[in-house]
Amino acid sequence: MNWMRAYNNISAIPQSKVTEQILLILLYFKVFDHPLTLNEIKNHLNTESSKLDTVINSLVKEKKIYQHSQYFSTKPLAKQVAYRQECNQRAIQKLPLAQKYSKVLASIPFIKAICLSGSISKGVMHQDSDIDYFIIAQSGKVWLTKLFIVLYRILFLFNTRKHFCANYIIDENHLEIDEKNRFTATEIVSMIPTYGYETYIKLKKSNSWVNDYFPNHKTQTNQLIIQSPDKTFFQKLILIIFDNTFGQWLGRQFMNWSWKRYQQKFKNQLSPEWLEIAFKTTPYVSKSHGPNFQKVVSERFAQNIEQFEKEHQIKFENVVF
């Protein structure tokens, strides 16, 4: 059971529960070596700041968590803080490039909304990080959209995904995400919309379940939104050629080909269950998170919890993955 659901006002949660929630949040972000500020911790809670400050101070004194400058983590973090600040600066520098490629994606006439996801949406970019995009496509056009993205990447970017990784595409009429867990909730609340703000708002409303994990999160603003461009002759031609039964057939063929390729490439690396999660392939979803980052994160989170319990001789009562 998600214990957060048991309280209408989480400020009423006993202090022990607030302590547990703070520790679990920090242990989750420890997976990414990502210390949090007090405000970032608050964004994952819905409790009075006075109680939060008291609990944080107590945990620091007990050496269950550590503080360096404005950051907190469950392990000594001087190096973590320096690295995080470096990655924060890199993410800021990459935002104009992310907007540039959002404009490229927005030129595909079947795309209704674009959001930055992955590390850049958390304000962090490592040296080897891709720029990830979460895309909402016109109904029935998920795989046709995927095909155009792949063709553009091959023809103009030499098939590199470094700054152009559109690894999650969903149908505008099927906005609710099936995998309801901490990993997915974190991705949804941190997405940064760059195109199609109204459709992004519909996505958030369709996934209100994330409030069970992050009841105090705020909807992203439209600060980075690019304007819808006027349709060019080429875009109108694409619609004439592909916005019909031929386009639907082509999309289905590409979907079937993609699934066979995923199976051949990853059948020895992932179980059938995890293959379907990492490379979800349906008429309404195109997802490619190889080699199943979600699985890796969940396992490392579980390991962090187990290690912390042993080190501090405690037992978490209500762990929600």
Protein backbone atom coordinates (compact mmCIF):
# COMPACT_ATOMS: atom_id res chain seq x y z
CA MET A 1 0.00 0.00 0.00
CA ASN A 2 1.19 3.54 -0.70
CA TRP A 3 0.98 5.03 2.78
CA MET A 4 0.74 8.55 1.34
CA ARG A 5 -2.78 7.75 0.21
CA ALA A 6 -3.88 7.14 3.77
CA TYR A 7 -3.67 10.83 4.67
CA ASN A 8 -5.69 13.67 3.18
CA ASN A 9 -3.09 16.09 4.56
CA ILE A 10 0.42 14.72 4.72
CA SER A 11 1.30 17.32 7.36
CA ALA A 12 -0.67 14.98 9.63
CA ILE A 13 1.73 12.09 8.99
CA PRO A 14 3.61 11.07 12.13
CA GLN A 15 7.16 12.38 12.25
CA SER A 16 8.52 8.84 11.85
CA LYS A 17 6.69 8.62 8.52
CA VAL A 18 8.07 11.97 7.38
CA THR A 19 11.54 10.71 8.30
CA GLU A 20 11.01 7.57 6.27
CA GLN A 21 9.73 9.50 3.29
CA ILE A 22 12.72 11.87 3.30
CA LEU A 23 15.17 8.98 3.51
CA LEU A 24 13.48 7.10 0.67
CA ILE A 25 13.56 10.20 -1.54
CA LEU A 26 17.28 10.70 -0.90
CA LEU A 27 17.99 6.99 -1.40
CA TYR A 28 16.16 7.09 -4.72
CA PHE A 29 18.22 10.03 -5.99
CA LYS A 30 21.36 8.39 -4.66
CA VAL A 31 20.92 6.01 -7.61
CA PHE A 32 21.94 8.93 -9.82
CA ASP A 33 24.53 10.37 -7.37
CA HIS A 34 22.21 13.35 -7.24
CA PRO A 35 22.07 15.28 -3.92
CA LEU A 36 18.97 17.39 -3.32
CA THR A 37 18.35 20.86 -1.97
CA LEU A 38 15.81 21.46 0.78
CA ASN A 39 13.37 22.93 -1.75
CA GLU A 40 13.74 19.86 -3.97
CA ILE A 41 12.97 17.61 -1.01
CA LYS A 42 9.92 19.75 -0.25
CA ASN A 43 8.70 19.31 -3.82
CA HIS A 44 8.44 15.59 -3.10
CA LEU A 45 6.53 16.13 0.14
CA ASN A 46 3.38 17.85 1.30
CA THR A 47 4.24 18.76 4.84
CA GLU A 48 4.80 21.85 6.94
CA SER A 49 8.29 23.29 6.53
CA SER A 50 8.75 23.52 10.29
CA LYS A 51 8.33 19.76 10.63
CA LEU A 52 10.56 19.15 7.63
CA ASP A 53 13.34 21.34 9.03
CA THR A 54 13.13 19.55 12.37
CA VAL A 55 13.34 16.12 10.77
CA ILE A 56 16.20 17.12 8.45
CA ASN A 57 18.22 18.58 11.32
CA SER A 58 17.65 15.45 13.38
CA LEU A 59 18.78 13.18 10.55
CA VAL A 60 21.93 15.24 10.03
CA LYS A 61 22.79 15.05 13.75
CA GLU A 62 22.25 11.28 13.70
CA LYS A 63 24.50 11.06 10.63
CA LYS A 64 21.81 9.29 8.68
CA ILE A 65 22.06 12.03 6.07
CA TYR A 66 24.79 14.54 5.26
CA GLN A 67 24.69 18.22 4.37
CA HIS A 68 27.14 20.15 2.24
CA SER A 69 26.25 23.74 1.51
CA GLN A 70 22.59 23.66 0.42
CA TYR A 71 22.58 19.97 -0.57
CA PHE A 72 21.59 16.78 1.26
CA SER A 73 22.34 13.10 0.64
CA THR A 74 22.64 9.80 2.51
CA LYS A 75 26.41 9.75 2.07
CA PRO A 76 29.24 12.31 2.37
CA LEU A 77 28.80 14.49 -0.67
CA ALA A 78 31.47 17.15 -1.25
CA LYS A 79 32.45 15.53 -4.58
CA GLN A 80 28.79 14.90 -5.44
CA VAL A 81 27.94 18.58 -4.99
CA ALA A 82 30.80 19.76 -7.20
CA TYR A 83 29.80 17.25 -9.88
CA ARG A 84 26.13 18.16 -9.66
CA GLN A 85 26.92 21.85 -10.09
CA GLU A 86 29.01 21.01 -13.15
CA CYS A 87 26.13 18.95 -14.60
CA ASN A 88 23.63 21.71 -13.79
CA GLN A 89 25.69 24.18 -15.80
CA ARG A 90 25.98 21.74 -18.69
CA ALA A 91 22.18 21.30 -18.75
CA ILE A 92 21.65 25.06 -18.90
CA GLN A 93 24.07 25.28 -21.83
CA LYS A 94 22.22 22.47 -23.67
CA LEU A 95 18.75 24.00 -23.39
CA PRO A 96 19.05 26.17 -26.53
CA LEU A 97 20.09 23.08 -28.50
CA ALA A 98 17.14 21.15 -27.06
CA GLN A 99 14.82 23.96 -28.20
CA LYS A 100 16.42 23.89 -31.66
CA TYR A 101 15.69 20.20 -32.10
CA SER A 102 12.23 20.66 -30.60
CA LYS A 103 11.56 23.00 -33.53
CA VAL A 104 12.79 20.29 -35.91
CA LEU A 105 10.46 17.75 -34.31
CA ALA A 106 7.56 20.21 -34.34
CA SER A 107 7.89 20.39 -38.13
CA ILE A 108 6.61 16.80 -38.32
CA PRO A 109 2.89 17.48 -38.83
CA PHE A 110 1.72 14.51 -36.75
CA ILE A 111 3.33 15.75 -33.51
CA LYS A 112 0.99 17.38 -30.98
CA ALA A 113 3.38 17.99 -28.07
CA ILE A 114 7.07 17.70 -27.18
CA CYS A 115 8.63 17.53 -23.71
CA LEU A 116 12.22 17.28 -22.60
CA SER A 117 12.68 14.23 -20.41
CA GLY A 118 15.54 12.23 -18.93
CA SER A 119 18.49 13.96 -17.29
CA ILE A 120 18.08 17.38 -18.91
CA SER A 121 14.57 17.68 -17.45
CA LYS A 122 16.14 17.31 -13.97
CA GLY A 123 18.54 20.16 -14.73
CA VAL A 124 21.45 17.73 -15.07
CA MET A 125 23.55 16.70 -18.06
CA HIS A 126 26.48 14.30 -17.74
CA GLN A 127 29.24 14.21 -20.36
CA ASP A 128 27.63 11.20 -22.06
CA SER A 129 23.98 12.23 -21.60
CA ASP A 130 21.55 12.29 -24.51
CA ILE A 131 18.86 14.91 -24.89
CA ASP A 132 15.69 12.88 -24.47
CA TYR A 133 12.29 13.85 -25.87
CA PHE A 134 8.86 12.62 -24.83
CA ILE A 135 6.44 13.07 -27.72
CA ILE A 136 2.66 13.02 -28.03
CA ALA A 137 1.50 12.13 -31.53
CA GLN A 138 -1.74 12.62 -33.40
CA SER A 139 -4.16 9.76 -32.79
CA GLY A 140 -3.23 6.73 -34.87
CA LYS A 141 0.10 8.25 -35.96
CA VAL A 142 2.54 7.09 -33.25
CA TRP A 143 4.56 4.81 -35.52
CA LEU A 144 4.40 7.04 -38.56
CA THR A 145 5.80 9.79 -36.33
CA LYS A 146 8.54 7.43 -35.12
CA LEU A 147 9.39 6.57 -38.74
CA PHE A 148 9.82 10.24 -39.71
CA ILE A 149 12.02 10.85 -36.65
CA VAL A 150 14.24 7.88 -37.49
CA LEU A 151 14.53 8.95 -41.13
CA TYR A 152 15.53 12.48 -40.12
CA ARG A 153 18.12 11.15 -37.69
CA ILE A 154 19.63 8.85 -40.33
CA LEU A 155 19.62 11.38 -43.17
CA PHE A 156 20.73 14.52 -41.32
CA LEU A 157 22.36 13.45 -38.04
CA PHE A 158 24.32 10.41 -39.22
CA ASN A 159 22.06 8.26 -37.00
CA THR A 160 23.39 9.79 -33.79
CA ARG A 161 21.02 10.02 -30.81
CA LYS A 162 23.25 12.35 -28.77
CA HIS A 163 21.01 15.40 -29.06
CA PHE A 164 18.00 13.79 -30.70
CA CYS A 165 16.77 10.83 -28.66
CA ALA A 166 12.98 10.55 -29.07
CA ASN A 167 12.61 7.39 -27.03
CA TYR A 168 8.99 7.69 -25.87
CA ILE A 169 6.03 8.48 -28.13
CA ILE A 170 2.38 8.10 -27.13
CA ASP A 171 -1.02 8.62 -28.75
CA GLU A 172 -2.93 11.81 -27.91
CA ASN A 173 -6.01 9.73 -27.08
CA HIS A 174 -4.12 7.33 -24.79
CA LEU A 175 -2.27 9.65 -22.42
CA GLU A 176 -2.40 7.62 -19.22
CA ILE A 177 0.91 5.82 -18.64
CA ASP A 178 0.47 2.15 -17.75
CA GLU A 179 3.60 1.75 -15.59
CA LYS A 180 2.64 3.49 -12.35
CA ASN A 181 5.74 3.55 -10.19
CA ARG A 182 8.27 5.94 -8.67
CA PHE A 183 10.49 5.93 -11.77
CA THR A 184 7.66 6.85 -14.16
CA ALA A 185 6.18 9.38 -11.74
CA THR A 186 9.57 11.11 -11.46
CA GLU A 187 9.80 11.33 -15.24
CA ILE A 188 6.29 12.76 -15.63
CA VAL A 189 6.57 15.48 -12.98
CA SER A 190 9.99 16.62 -14.24
CA MET A 191 9.15 16.82 -17.96
CA ILE A 192 9.73 20.25 -19.51
CA PRO A 193 7.26 21.10 -22.30
CA THR A 194 8.74 22.77 -25.37
CA TYR A 195 5.83 22.44 -27.80
CA GLY A 196 2.06 21.91 -27.51
CA TYR A 197 1.50 23.17 -23.96
CA GLU A 198 -2.24 22.45 -23.90
CA THR A 199 -1.61 18.81 -24.84
CA TYR A 200 1.05 18.63 -22.11
CA ILE A 201 -1.55 19.80 -19.57
CA LYS A 202 -3.87 17.02 -20.76
CA LEU A 203 -1.03 14.56 -20.18
CA LYS A 204 -0.62 15.78 -16.59
CA LYS A 205 -4.36 15.55 -15.92
CA SER A 206 -4.48 12.03 -17.37
CA ASN A 207 -1.74 10.95 -14.95
CA SER A 208 -2.96 12.44 -11.69
CA TRP A 209 -1.79 9.23 -9.97
CA VAL A 210 1.68 10.81 -9.78
CA ASN A 211 0.31 12.90 -6.90
CA ASP A 212 0.51 9.75 -4.77
CA TYR A 213 4.29 9.94 -5.15
CA PHE A 214 4.82 13.70 -5.44
CA PRO A 215 1.80 15.45 -3.93
CA ASN A 216 3.53 18.82 -3.81
CA HIS A 217 4.97 18.93 -7.32
CA LYS A 218 4.25 21.88 -9.56
CA THR A 219 3.18 21.80 -13.19
CA GLN A 220 5.92 23.10 -15.47
CA THR A 221 5.41 26.52 -17.00
CA ASN A 222 5.35 27.29 -20.72
CA GLN A 223 8.61 29.24 -20.50
CA LEU A 224 10.42 27.15 -23.13
CA ILE A 225 7.43 26.63 -25.43
CA ILE A 226 8.06 27.27 -29.11
CA GLN A 227 5.25 28.58 -31.27
CA SER A 228 3.41 26.34 -33.72
CA PRO A 229 4.94 27.02 -37.12
CA ASP A 230 2.79 27.66 -40.17
CA LYS A 231 2.57 24.54 -42.32
CA THR A 232 5.00 24.59 -45.21
CA PHE A 233 4.34 23.14 -48.66
CA PHE A 234 6.42 20.09 -47.69
CA GLN A 235 4.37 19.51 -44.54
CA LYS A 236 1.13 19.81 -46.46
CA LEU A 237 2.48 17.30 -48.97
CA ILE A 238 3.31 14.87 -46.16
CA LEU A 239 -0.27 15.12 -44.92
CA ILE A 240 -1.65 14.49 -48.41
CA ILE A 241 0.54 11.41 -48.90
CA PHE A 242 0.46 9.88 -45.40
CA ASP A 243 -2.65 11.09 -43.55
CA ASN A 244 -4.75 8.23 -44.89
CA THR A 245 -5.03 4.43 -44.94
CA PHE A 246 -1.64 4.15 -46.64
CA GLY A 247 -0.03 6.03 -43.76
CA GLN A 248 -1.79 3.77 -41.25
CA TRP A 249 -0.54 0.67 -43.10
CA LEU A 250 3.01 2.04 -43.23
CA GLY A 251 2.93 2.79 -39.51
CA ARG A 252 1.78 -0.75 -38.69
CA GLN A 253 4.53 -2.23 -40.84
CA PHE A 254 7.17 -0.12 -39.10
CA MET A 255 5.76 -1.09 -35.69
CA ASN A 256 5.93 -4.81 -36.51
CA TRP A 257 9.43 -4.50 -37.94
CA SER A 258 10.60 -2.56 -34.86
CA TRP A 259 9.26 -5.17 -32.43
CA LYS A 260 10.99 -8.00 -34.29
CA ARG A 261 14.22 -6.02 -34.21
CA TYR A 262 13.92 -5.39 -30.43
CA GLN A 263 13.30 -9.09 -29.84
CA GLN A 264 16.31 -10.14 -31.89
CA LYS A 265 18.63 -7.57 -30.35
CA PHE A 266 17.70 -7.90 -26.67
CA LYS A 267 16.24 -11.40 -26.23
CA ASN A 268 19.42 -12.56 -24.47
CA GLN A 269 19.65 -9.46 -22.26
CA LEU A 270 16.10 -9.07 -20.99
CA SER A 271 13.34 -11.40 -19.89
CA PRO A 272 10.14 -11.30 -22.01
CA GLU A 273 8.44 -9.27 -19.25
CA TRP A 274 11.17 -6.63 -19.06
CA LEU A 275 11.53 -6.56 -22.84
CA GLU A 276 7.88 -5.51 -23.14
CA ILE A 277 8.40 -2.80 -20.51
CA ALA A 278 11.66 -1.42 -21.91
CA PHE A 279 10.53 -1.58 -25.56
CA LYS A 280 6.80 -1.16 -25.30
CA THR A 281 5.42 -1.56 -28.79
CA THR A 282 1.67 -1.06 -29.30
CA PRO A 283 -0.41 1.02 -31.72
CA TYR A 284 -0.53 3.71 -29.00
CA VAL A 285 3.00 3.60 -27.57
CA SER A 286 6.56 3.52 -28.89
CA LYS A 287 9.01 3.21 -26.03
CA SER A 288 12.70 2.34 -26.29
CA HIS A 289 14.54 2.47 -22.98
CA GLY A 290 17.31 -0.04 -23.59
CA PRO A 291 18.94 -1.68 -21.87
CA ASN A 292 15.93 -1.12 -19.63
CA PHE A 293 17.04 1.83 -17.55
CA GLN A 294 13.87 1.53 -15.47
CA LYS A 295 14.86 -1.96 -14.33
CA VAL A 296 18.38 -0.82 -13.47
CA VAL A 297 17.07 2.13 -11.44
CA SER A 298 14.57 -0.03 -9.53
CA GLU A 299 17.24 -2.59 -8.66
CA ARG A 300 19.74 0.04 -7.50
CA PHE A 301 17.06 1.77 -5.44
CA ALA A 302 16.29 -1.55 -3.73
CA GLN A 303 20.02 -2.07 -3.10
CA ASN A 304 20.35 1.40 -1.59
CA ILE A 305 17.46 0.67 0.77
CA GLU A 306 18.88 -2.68 1.84
CA GLN A 307 22.35 -1.22 2.42
CA PHE A 308 20.94 1.71 4.46
CA GLU A 309 18.83 -0.63 6.60
CA LYS A 310 21.85 -2.77 7.43
CA GLU A 311 24.11 0.20 8.11
CA HIS A 312 21.67 1.93 10.46
CA GLN A 313 19.89 -1.13 11.87
CA ILE A 314 16.46 0.07 10.82
CA LYS A 315 13.63 -1.30 8.74
CA PHE A 316 11.53 0.76 6.35
CA GLU A 317 7.87 -0.10 6.78
CA ASN A 318 6.31 1.35 3.65
CA VAL A 319 8.55 1.22 0.61
CA VAL A 320 6.80 2.22 -2.60
CA PHE A 321 8.57 1.51 -5.88
